[in-house]
Amino acid sequence: MKVNSIYILSLLLLITLCFNARAQSVTFEKLKDLQESDNRIVLVLIKTQWCRYCNSMEHSMLNNPHISALLKRRFYFVILDGEEKQTIKFAGRNFEYKPTGKNTGVHELAIELGTVNDQVTYPAICFLNSGNEIVYQHSGYLEPAALAKVLETISDY
């Protein structure tokens, strides 16, 4: 009976450590306060609900142990739905959803942060410095190994 208790406690501890190591996203509204207490580079993943590559990249960011650990230690991680309909306050401005058709549209902040070569392509990642200036953008899917390399390079910035 004692062995089972030790086994269960060990398993619970392992599960707790795994969940604590997982990266979590923050909102744009919270960034200002976070940056004041601990200045970090901000990584924004710009995605949509319907994009399978976006969902795969998000999954890598949240569940790949190496990537998740890098994000948790060195970045503030924000997930932006490129088709978000709510107004987002960020960097002293209000960004809104802009319809482009009957059931389509794009959020102004997705345009602001995700435009590469005059277009927004999903997924996109954007890195911001403490002044909310873009320091690097990438448009398109990144395999986990390539994403980890980008994170390691940018974190040394």
N, C-alpha and C. Protein backbone atom coordinates (compact mmCIF):
# COMPACT_ATOMS: atom_id res chain seq x y z
N MET A 1 0.81 -1.19 0.00
CA MET A 1 0.00 0.00 0.00
C MET A 1 0.86 1.26 0.00
N LYS A 2 1.96 1.22 0.76
CA LYS A 2 2.85 2.37 0.86
C LYS A 2 3.52 2.66 -0.48
N VAL A 3 3.87 1.61 -1.21
CA VAL A 3 4.50 1.76 -2.53
C VAL A 3 3.54 2.45 -3.49
N ASN A 4 2.26 2.08 -3.47
CA ASN A 4 1.27 2.73 -4.33
C ASN A 4 1.13 4.21 -3.99
N SER A 5 1.17 4.57 -2.73
CA SER A 5 1.07 5.98 -2.32
C SER A 5 2.26 6.78 -2.83
N ILE A 6 3.44 6.21 -2.72
CA ILE A 6 4.64 6.89 -3.22
C ILE A 6 4.57 7.04 -4.73
N TYR A 7 4.12 5.99 -5.41
CA TYR A 7 3.98 6.03 -6.86
C TYR A 7 3.00 7.12 -7.28
N ILE A 8 1.86 7.20 -6.61
CA ILE A 8 0.84 8.19 -6.94
C ILE A 8 1.35 9.60 -6.67
N LEU A 9 2.02 9.81 -5.55
CA LEU A 9 2.57 11.13 -5.24
C LEU A 9 3.63 11.54 -6.26
N SER A 10 4.46 10.60 -6.66
CA SER A 10 5.48 10.88 -7.67
C SER A 10 4.84 11.25 -9.00
N LEU A 11 3.81 10.54 -9.38
CA LEU A 11 3.11 10.83 -10.62
C LEU A 11 2.45 12.20 -10.56
N LEU A 12 1.84 12.54 -9.46
CA LEU A 12 1.22 13.86 -9.30
C LEU A 12 2.27 14.97 -9.37
N LEU A 13 3.41 14.77 -8.77
CA LEU A 13 4.49 15.75 -8.83
C LEU A 13 4.97 15.94 -10.26
N LEU A 14 5.14 14.86 -10.99
CA LEU A 14 5.57 14.92 -12.38
C LEU A 14 4.56 15.67 -13.23
N ILE A 15 3.28 15.39 -13.04
CA ILE A 15 2.23 16.08 -13.78
C ILE A 15 2.25 17.57 -13.46
N THR A 16 2.41 17.93 -12.20
CA THR A 16 2.47 19.34 -11.80
C THR A 16 3.65 20.04 -12.45
N LEU A 17 4.80 19.39 -12.46
CA LEU A 17 5.99 19.99 -13.09
C LEU A 17 5.78 20.19 -14.58
N CYS A 18 5.16 19.24 -15.24
CA CYS A 18 4.90 19.35 -16.68
C CYS A 18 3.98 20.53 -16.98
N PHE A 19 2.94 20.69 -16.19
CA PHE A 19 2.02 21.79 -16.43
C PHE A 19 2.67 23.13 -16.11
N ASN A 20 3.53 23.19 -15.11
CA ASN A 20 4.21 24.44 -14.78
C ASN A 20 5.25 24.82 -15.83
N ALA A 21 5.79 23.86 -16.56
CA ALA A 21 6.79 24.13 -17.58
C ALA A 21 6.15 24.61 -18.87
N ARG A 22 4.86 24.41 -19.02
CA ARG A 22 4.17 24.76 -20.24
C ARG A 22 4.03 26.27 -20.37
N ALA A 23 4.32 26.79 -21.55
CA ALA A 23 4.15 28.22 -21.81
C ALA A 23 2.67 28.57 -21.79
N GLN A 24 2.38 29.80 -21.40
CA GLN A 24 1.02 30.29 -21.42
C GLN A 24 1.01 31.63 -22.12
N SER A 25 -0.07 31.89 -22.83
CA SER A 25 -0.16 33.17 -23.53
C SER A 25 -0.75 34.22 -22.60
N VAL A 26 -0.44 35.47 -22.93
CA VAL A 26 -0.99 36.61 -22.20
C VAL A 26 -1.77 37.46 -23.20
N THR A 27 -2.50 38.42 -22.69
CA THR A 27 -3.27 39.31 -23.56
C THR A 27 -2.49 40.60 -23.82
N PHE A 28 -2.86 41.28 -24.89
CA PHE A 28 -2.23 42.56 -25.19
C PHE A 28 -2.47 43.56 -24.07
N GLU A 29 -3.63 43.50 -23.46
CA GLU A 29 -3.97 44.44 -22.40
C GLU A 29 -3.06 44.29 -21.18
N LYS A 30 -2.55 43.08 -20.93
CA LYS A 30 -1.69 42.84 -19.77
C LYS A 30 -0.22 43.14 -20.04
N LEU A 31 0.15 43.29 -21.31
CA LEU A 31 1.56 43.45 -21.65
C LEU A 31 2.22 44.65 -20.99
N LYS A 32 1.54 45.78 -20.95
CA LYS A 32 2.14 46.99 -20.40
C LYS A 32 2.58 46.76 -18.95
N ASP A 33 1.71 46.19 -18.15
CA ASP A 33 2.05 45.92 -16.75
C ASP A 33 3.17 44.89 -16.65
N LEU A 34 3.11 43.85 -17.47
CA LEU A 34 4.16 42.84 -17.44
C LEU A 34 5.51 43.42 -17.83
N GLN A 35 5.53 44.25 -18.86
CA GLN A 35 6.79 44.85 -19.33
C GLN A 35 7.39 45.78 -18.27
N GLU A 36 6.55 46.42 -17.49
CA GLU A 36 7.06 47.31 -16.44
C GLU A 36 7.76 46.53 -15.34
N SER A 37 7.30 45.31 -15.06
CA SER A 37 7.92 44.53 -13.99
C SER A 37 9.07 43.66 -14.50
N ASP A 38 9.02 43.20 -15.74
CA ASP A 38 10.06 42.34 -16.29
C ASP A 38 10.09 42.53 -17.80
N ASN A 39 11.04 43.33 -18.26
CA ASN A 39 11.14 43.68 -19.66
C ASN A 39 11.60 42.48 -20.49
N ARG A 40 10.74 42.00 -21.38
CA ARG A 40 11.05 40.88 -22.26
C ARG A 40 10.60 41.19 -23.68
N ILE A 41 11.12 40.42 -24.61
CA ILE A 41 10.64 40.49 -25.98
C ILE A 41 9.26 39.85 -26.03
N VAL A 42 8.39 40.41 -26.85
CA VAL A 42 7.04 39.88 -27.02
C VAL A 42 6.98 39.10 -28.33
N LEU A 43 6.46 37.89 -28.25
CA LEU A 43 6.23 37.08 -29.43
C LEU A 43 4.73 37.00 -29.66
N VAL A 44 4.30 37.42 -30.84
CA VAL A 44 2.89 37.36 -31.20
C VAL A 44 2.72 36.31 -32.29
N LEU A 45 1.88 35.33 -32.03
CA LEU A 45 1.49 34.36 -33.04
C LEU A 45 0.17 34.85 -33.63
N ILE A 46 0.17 35.13 -34.92
CA ILE A 46 -1.03 35.61 -35.61
C ILE A 46 -1.59 34.41 -36.38
N LYS A 47 -2.81 34.04 -36.04
CA LYS A 47 -3.40 32.82 -36.57
C LYS A 47 -4.89 32.99 -36.82
N THR A 48 -5.49 31.97 -37.36
CA THR A 48 -6.95 31.91 -37.47
C THR A 48 -7.41 30.56 -36.95
N GLN A 49 -8.68 30.45 -36.69
CA GLN A 49 -9.24 29.19 -36.19
C GLN A 49 -9.24 28.11 -37.27
N TRP A 50 -9.42 28.49 -38.51
CA TRP A 50 -9.58 27.53 -39.60
C TRP A 50 -8.26 27.04 -40.19
N CYS A 51 -7.15 27.65 -39.82
CA CYS A 51 -5.84 27.34 -40.42
C CYS A 51 -5.17 26.18 -39.67
N ARG A 52 -5.01 25.05 -40.35
CA ARG A 52 -4.41 23.89 -39.69
C ARG A 52 -2.93 24.10 -39.37
N TYR A 53 -2.23 24.87 -40.20
CA TYR A 53 -0.82 25.16 -39.93
C TYR A 53 -0.69 26.07 -38.71
N CYS A 54 -1.62 27.00 -38.58
CA CYS A 54 -1.64 27.88 -37.41
C CYS A 54 -1.82 27.06 -36.14
N ASN A 55 -2.78 26.16 -36.18
CA ASN A 55 -3.07 25.34 -35.00
C ASN A 55 -1.91 24.42 -34.67
N SER A 56 -1.21 23.94 -35.69
CA SER A 56 -0.04 23.09 -35.46
C SER A 56 1.09 23.89 -34.82
N MET A 57 1.30 25.13 -35.29
CA MET A 57 2.34 25.97 -34.71
C MET A 57 2.00 26.33 -33.27
N GLU A 58 0.76 26.65 -33.02
CA GLU A 58 0.33 26.96 -31.65
C GLU A 58 0.55 25.74 -30.75
N HIS A 59 0.21 24.58 -31.24
CA HIS A 59 0.41 23.35 -30.48
C HIS A 59 1.89 23.17 -30.14
N SER A 60 2.78 23.40 -31.11
CA SER A 60 4.22 23.29 -30.85
C SER A 60 4.67 24.28 -29.79
N MET A 61 4.14 25.49 -29.87
CA MET A 61 4.55 26.53 -28.93
C MET A 61 4.11 26.20 -27.50
N LEU A 62 2.96 25.60 -27.38
CA LEU A 62 2.43 25.32 -26.05
C LEU A 62 2.85 23.96 -25.50
N ASN A 63 3.13 23.00 -26.38
CA ASN A 63 3.33 21.63 -25.92
C ASN A 63 4.71 21.04 -26.17
N ASN A 64 5.50 21.60 -27.06
CA ASN A 64 6.87 21.11 -27.25
C ASN A 64 7.69 21.57 -26.05
N PRO A 65 8.28 20.65 -25.29
CA PRO A 65 8.96 21.04 -24.04
C PRO A 65 10.06 22.08 -24.23
N HIS A 66 10.88 21.95 -25.27
CA HIS A 66 11.97 22.90 -25.48
C HIS A 66 11.43 24.29 -25.86
N ILE A 67 10.50 24.33 -26.81
CA ILE A 67 9.93 25.60 -27.25
C ILE A 67 9.16 26.25 -26.11
N SER A 68 8.36 25.47 -25.42
CA SER A 68 7.56 26.00 -24.32
C SER A 68 8.45 26.58 -23.22
N ALA A 69 9.54 25.89 -22.92
CA ALA A 69 10.46 26.39 -21.89
C ALA A 69 11.12 27.70 -22.33
N LEU A 70 11.51 27.80 -23.59
CA LEU A 70 12.09 29.05 -24.10
C LEU A 70 11.08 30.19 -23.99
N LEU A 71 9.87 29.93 -24.40
CA LEU A 71 8.84 30.96 -24.32
C LEU A 71 8.60 31.41 -22.89
N LYS A 72 8.51 30.46 -22.01
CA LYS A 72 8.21 30.79 -20.60
C LYS A 72 9.33 31.59 -19.96
N ARG A 73 10.58 31.26 -20.28
CA ARG A 73 11.72 31.92 -19.64
C ARG A 73 12.06 33.28 -20.25
N ARG A 74 11.88 33.43 -21.56
CA ARG A 74 12.47 34.60 -22.22
C ARG A 74 11.51 35.55 -22.93
N PHE A 75 10.25 35.16 -23.07
CA PHE A 75 9.32 35.95 -23.88
C PHE A 75 8.00 36.15 -23.15
N TYR A 76 7.26 37.15 -23.63
CA TYR A 76 5.83 37.21 -23.37
C TYR A 76 5.19 36.71 -24.66
N PHE A 77 4.30 35.76 -24.55
CA PHE A 77 3.70 35.10 -25.70
C PHE A 77 2.24 35.49 -25.81
N VAL A 78 1.88 36.05 -26.97
CA VAL A 78 0.51 36.49 -27.23
C VAL A 78 -0.01 35.76 -28.46
N ILE A 79 -1.23 35.27 -28.37
CA ILE A 79 -1.88 34.66 -29.52
C ILE A 79 -2.94 35.63 -30.01
N LEU A 80 -2.85 35.99 -31.29
CA LEU A 80 -3.79 36.92 -31.89
C LEU A 80 -4.56 36.22 -33.00
N ASP A 81 -5.86 36.15 -32.85
CA ASP A 81 -6.71 35.64 -33.92
C ASP A 81 -6.83 36.75 -34.96
N GLY A 82 -6.37 36.49 -36.16
CA GLY A 82 -6.40 37.49 -37.23
C GLY A 82 -7.80 37.92 -37.62
N GLU A 83 -8.79 37.17 -37.16
CA GLU A 83 -10.19 37.50 -37.45
C GLU A 83 -10.97 37.86 -36.19
N GLU A 84 -10.23 38.24 -35.14
CA GLU A 84 -10.85 38.64 -33.86
C GLU A 84 -11.80 39.81 -34.10
N LYS A 85 -12.98 39.73 -33.53
CA LYS A 85 -13.98 40.78 -33.74
C LYS A 85 -13.99 41.84 -32.65
N GLN A 86 -13.32 41.58 -31.53
CA GLN A 86 -13.29 42.53 -30.42
C GLN A 86 -12.21 43.59 -30.65
N THR A 87 -12.45 44.80 -30.19
CA THR A 87 -11.45 45.86 -30.22
C THR A 87 -10.34 45.51 -29.23
N ILE A 88 -9.10 45.72 -29.65
CA ILE A 88 -7.95 45.45 -28.78
C ILE A 88 -7.22 46.76 -28.55
N LYS A 89 -7.00 47.08 -27.27
CA LYS A 89 -6.20 48.25 -26.91
C LYS A 89 -4.77 47.79 -26.74
N PHE A 90 -3.88 48.44 -27.48
CA PHE A 90 -2.46 48.08 -27.41
C PHE A 90 -1.62 49.27 -27.81
N ALA A 91 -0.59 49.52 -27.04
CA ALA A 91 0.38 50.59 -27.32
C ALA A 91 -0.32 51.94 -27.52
N GLY A 92 -1.32 52.19 -26.70
CA GLY A 92 -2.00 53.48 -26.73
C GLY A 92 -2.96 53.66 -27.89
N ARG A 93 -3.28 52.60 -28.60
CA ARG A 93 -4.20 52.69 -29.74
C ARG A 93 -5.29 51.63 -29.62
N ASN A 94 -6.39 51.87 -30.29
CA ASN A 94 -7.47 50.89 -30.41
C ASN A 94 -7.41 50.28 -31.80
N PHE A 95 -7.38 48.96 -31.85
CA PHE A 95 -7.37 48.23 -33.11
C PHE A 95 -8.68 47.48 -33.23
N GLU A 96 -9.30 47.52 -34.42
CA GLU A 96 -10.62 46.95 -34.61
C GLU A 96 -10.66 45.96 -35.76
N TYR A 97 -11.72 45.19 -35.79
CA TYR A 97 -12.00 44.26 -36.86
C TYR A 97 -12.51 45.03 -38.07
N LYS A 98 -11.99 44.69 -39.23
CA LYS A 98 -12.41 45.34 -40.47
C LYS A 98 -13.00 44.30 -41.42
N PRO A 99 -14.32 44.36 -41.65
CA PRO A 99 -14.93 43.41 -42.58
C PRO A 99 -14.36 43.60 -43.99
N THR A 100 -14.18 42.48 -44.69
CA THR A 100 -13.71 42.54 -46.08
C THR A 100 -14.73 41.91 -47.03
N GLY A 101 -15.79 41.38 -46.47
CA GLY A 101 -16.85 40.74 -47.25
C GLY A 101 -18.01 40.42 -46.33
N LYS A 102 -18.93 39.61 -46.84
CA LYS A 102 -20.12 39.29 -46.05
C LYS A 102 -19.79 38.59 -44.74
N ASN A 103 -18.96 37.56 -44.78
CA ASN A 103 -18.59 36.82 -43.57
C ASN A 103 -17.08 36.76 -43.38
N THR A 104 -16.37 37.71 -43.90
CA THR A 104 -14.91 37.70 -43.80
C THR A 104 -14.41 39.05 -43.32
N GLY A 105 -13.21 39.03 -42.80
CA GLY A 105 -12.59 40.27 -42.35
C GLY A 105 -11.26 39.98 -41.70
N VAL A 106 -10.59 41.04 -41.31
CA VAL A 106 -9.29 40.91 -40.67
C VAL A 106 -9.17 41.98 -39.61
N HIS A 107 -8.48 41.65 -38.55
CA HIS A 107 -8.28 42.59 -37.46
C HIS A 107 -7.14 43.54 -37.81
N GLU A 108 -7.31 44.82 -37.48
CA GLU A 108 -6.28 45.82 -37.77
C GLU A 108 -4.94 45.48 -37.14
N LEU A 109 -4.95 44.89 -35.95
CA LEU A 109 -3.70 44.56 -35.28
C LEU A 109 -2.98 43.42 -36.02
N ALA A 110 -3.74 42.50 -36.61
CA ALA A 110 -3.14 41.45 -37.43
C ALA A 110 -2.46 42.06 -38.66
N ILE A 111 -3.09 43.06 -39.22
CA ILE A 111 -2.49 43.77 -40.37
C ILE A 111 -1.22 44.50 -39.92
N GLU A 112 -1.31 45.19 -38.80
CA GLU A 112 -0.18 45.97 -38.28
C GLU A 112 1.04 45.10 -37.98
N LEU A 113 0.81 43.95 -37.36
CA LEU A 113 1.92 43.12 -36.91
C LEU A 113 2.29 41.99 -37.86
N GLY A 114 1.35 41.59 -38.72
CA GLY A 114 1.58 40.42 -39.54
C GLY A 114 1.81 40.67 -41.01
N THR A 115 1.81 41.92 -41.43
CA THR A 115 2.00 42.21 -42.85
C THR A 115 3.47 42.04 -43.23
N VAL A 116 3.71 41.13 -44.15
CA VAL A 116 5.04 40.89 -44.72
C VAL A 116 4.86 40.90 -46.23
N ASN A 117 5.68 41.70 -46.92
CA ASN A 117 5.55 41.83 -48.38
C ASN A 117 4.13 42.23 -48.79
N ASP A 118 3.57 43.19 -48.08
CA ASP A 118 2.26 43.77 -48.36
C ASP A 118 1.08 42.83 -48.22
N GLN A 119 1.23 41.73 -47.47
CA GLN A 119 0.09 40.85 -47.22
C GLN A 119 0.22 40.15 -45.88
N VAL A 120 -0.92 39.76 -45.34
CA VAL A 120 -0.95 38.97 -44.11
C VAL A 120 -1.18 37.52 -44.53
N THR A 121 -0.28 36.66 -44.12
CA THR A 121 -0.39 35.22 -44.38
C THR A 121 -0.39 34.51 -43.04
N TYR A 122 -1.23 33.53 -42.90
CA TYR A 122 -1.33 32.80 -41.64
C TYR A 122 -0.62 31.45 -41.77
N PRO A 123 0.07 31.02 -40.72
CA PRO A 123 0.39 31.75 -39.50
C PRO A 123 1.51 32.75 -39.75
N ALA A 124 1.61 33.70 -38.87
CA ALA A 124 2.71 34.66 -38.88
C ALA A 124 3.17 34.85 -37.44
N ILE A 125 4.44 35.13 -37.29
CA ILE A 125 4.94 35.48 -35.97
C ILE A 125 5.61 36.85 -36.06
N CYS A 126 5.50 37.58 -34.97
CA CYS A 126 6.06 38.93 -34.90
C CYS A 126 6.70 39.10 -33.53
N PHE A 127 7.91 39.61 -33.52
CA PHE A 127 8.61 39.87 -32.26
C PHE A 127 8.67 41.37 -32.06
N LEU A 128 8.34 41.80 -30.84
CA LEU A 128 8.33 43.22 -30.49
C LEU A 128 9.30 43.47 -29.35
N ASN A 129 10.00 44.62 -29.43
CA ASN A 129 10.88 45.00 -28.32
C ASN A 129 10.04 45.71 -27.25
N SER A 130 10.70 46.21 -26.22
CA SER A 130 9.98 46.84 -25.11
C SER A 130 9.26 48.12 -25.53
N GLY A 131 9.65 48.71 -26.65
CA GLY A 131 8.96 49.89 -27.17
C GLY A 131 7.85 49.52 -28.14
N ASN A 132 7.51 48.24 -28.20
CA ASN A 132 6.49 47.71 -29.10
C ASN A 132 6.82 47.93 -30.57
N GLU A 133 8.12 47.95 -30.87
CA GLU A 133 8.58 48.06 -32.25
C GLU A 133 8.89 46.66 -32.77
N ILE A 134 8.55 46.42 -34.03
CA ILE A 134 8.80 45.12 -34.64
C ILE A 134 10.30 44.94 -34.83
N VAL A 135 10.83 43.84 -34.29
CA VAL A 135 12.25 43.52 -34.48
C VAL A 135 12.45 42.35 -35.44
N TYR A 136 11.40 41.55 -35.63
CA TYR A 136 11.49 40.44 -36.59
C TYR A 136 10.09 39.93 -36.88
N GLN A 137 9.86 39.55 -38.13
CA GLN A 137 8.60 38.95 -38.55
C GLN A 137 8.90 37.72 -39.40
N HIS A 138 8.02 36.76 -39.32
CA HIS A 138 8.11 35.60 -40.21
C HIS A 138 6.70 35.23 -40.62
N SER A 139 6.53 35.02 -41.90
CA SER A 139 5.23 34.64 -42.43
C SER A 139 5.28 33.19 -42.88
N GLY A 140 4.36 32.39 -42.39
CA GLY A 140 4.30 30.99 -42.78
C GLY A 140 4.67 30.06 -41.64
N TYR A 141 4.39 28.79 -41.87
CA TYR A 141 4.60 27.76 -40.87
C TYR A 141 6.08 27.49 -40.65
N LEU A 142 6.44 27.27 -39.39
CA LEU A 142 7.80 26.85 -39.03
C LEU A 142 7.73 25.51 -38.32
N GLU A 143 8.51 24.55 -38.80
CA GLU A 143 8.64 23.27 -38.09
C GLU A 143 9.20 23.55 -36.70
N PRO A 144 8.94 22.69 -35.73
CA PRO A 144 9.41 22.93 -34.36
C PRO A 144 10.91 23.21 -34.25
N ALA A 145 11.76 22.49 -34.98
CA ALA A 145 13.21 22.72 -34.90
C ALA A 145 13.57 24.12 -35.41
N ALA A 146 12.95 24.54 -36.51
CA ALA A 146 13.21 25.88 -37.06
C ALA A 146 12.67 26.96 -36.13
N LEU A 147 11.51 26.72 -35.55
CA LEU A 147 10.93 27.67 -34.61
C LEU A 147 11.82 27.82 -33.39
N ALA A 148 12.34 26.71 -32.87
CA ALA A 148 13.24 26.77 -31.70
C ALA A 148 14.48 27.58 -32.04
N LYS A 149 15.02 27.40 -33.24
CA LYS A 149 16.21 28.16 -33.65
C LYS A 149 15.93 29.65 -33.72
N VAL A 150 14.77 30.02 -34.25
CA VAL A 150 14.38 31.44 -34.30
C VAL A 150 14.26 31.99 -32.89
N LEU A 151 13.61 31.25 -32.00
CA LEU A 151 13.44 31.71 -30.61
C LEU A 151 14.78 31.90 -29.93
N GLU A 152 15.69 30.94 -30.12
CA GLU A 152 17.01 31.05 -29.51
C GLU A 152 17.77 32.26 -30.04
N THR A 153 17.68 32.50 -31.34
CA THR A 153 18.38 33.64 -31.95
C THR A 153 17.80 34.96 -31.46
N ILE A 154 16.47 35.08 -31.47
CA ILE A 154 15.82 36.33 -31.05
C ILE A 154 16.03 36.59 -29.56
N SER A 155 16.05 35.54 -28.76
CA SER A 155 16.19 35.75 -27.31
C SER A 155 17.56 36.33 -26.96
N ASP A 156 18.53 36.18 -27.84
CA ASP A 156 19.86 36.77 -27.63
C ASP A 156 19.90 38.22 -28.09
N TYR A 157 18.83 38.72 -28.68
CA TYR A 157 18.76 40.08 -29.23
C TYR A 157 18.92 41.12 -28.14
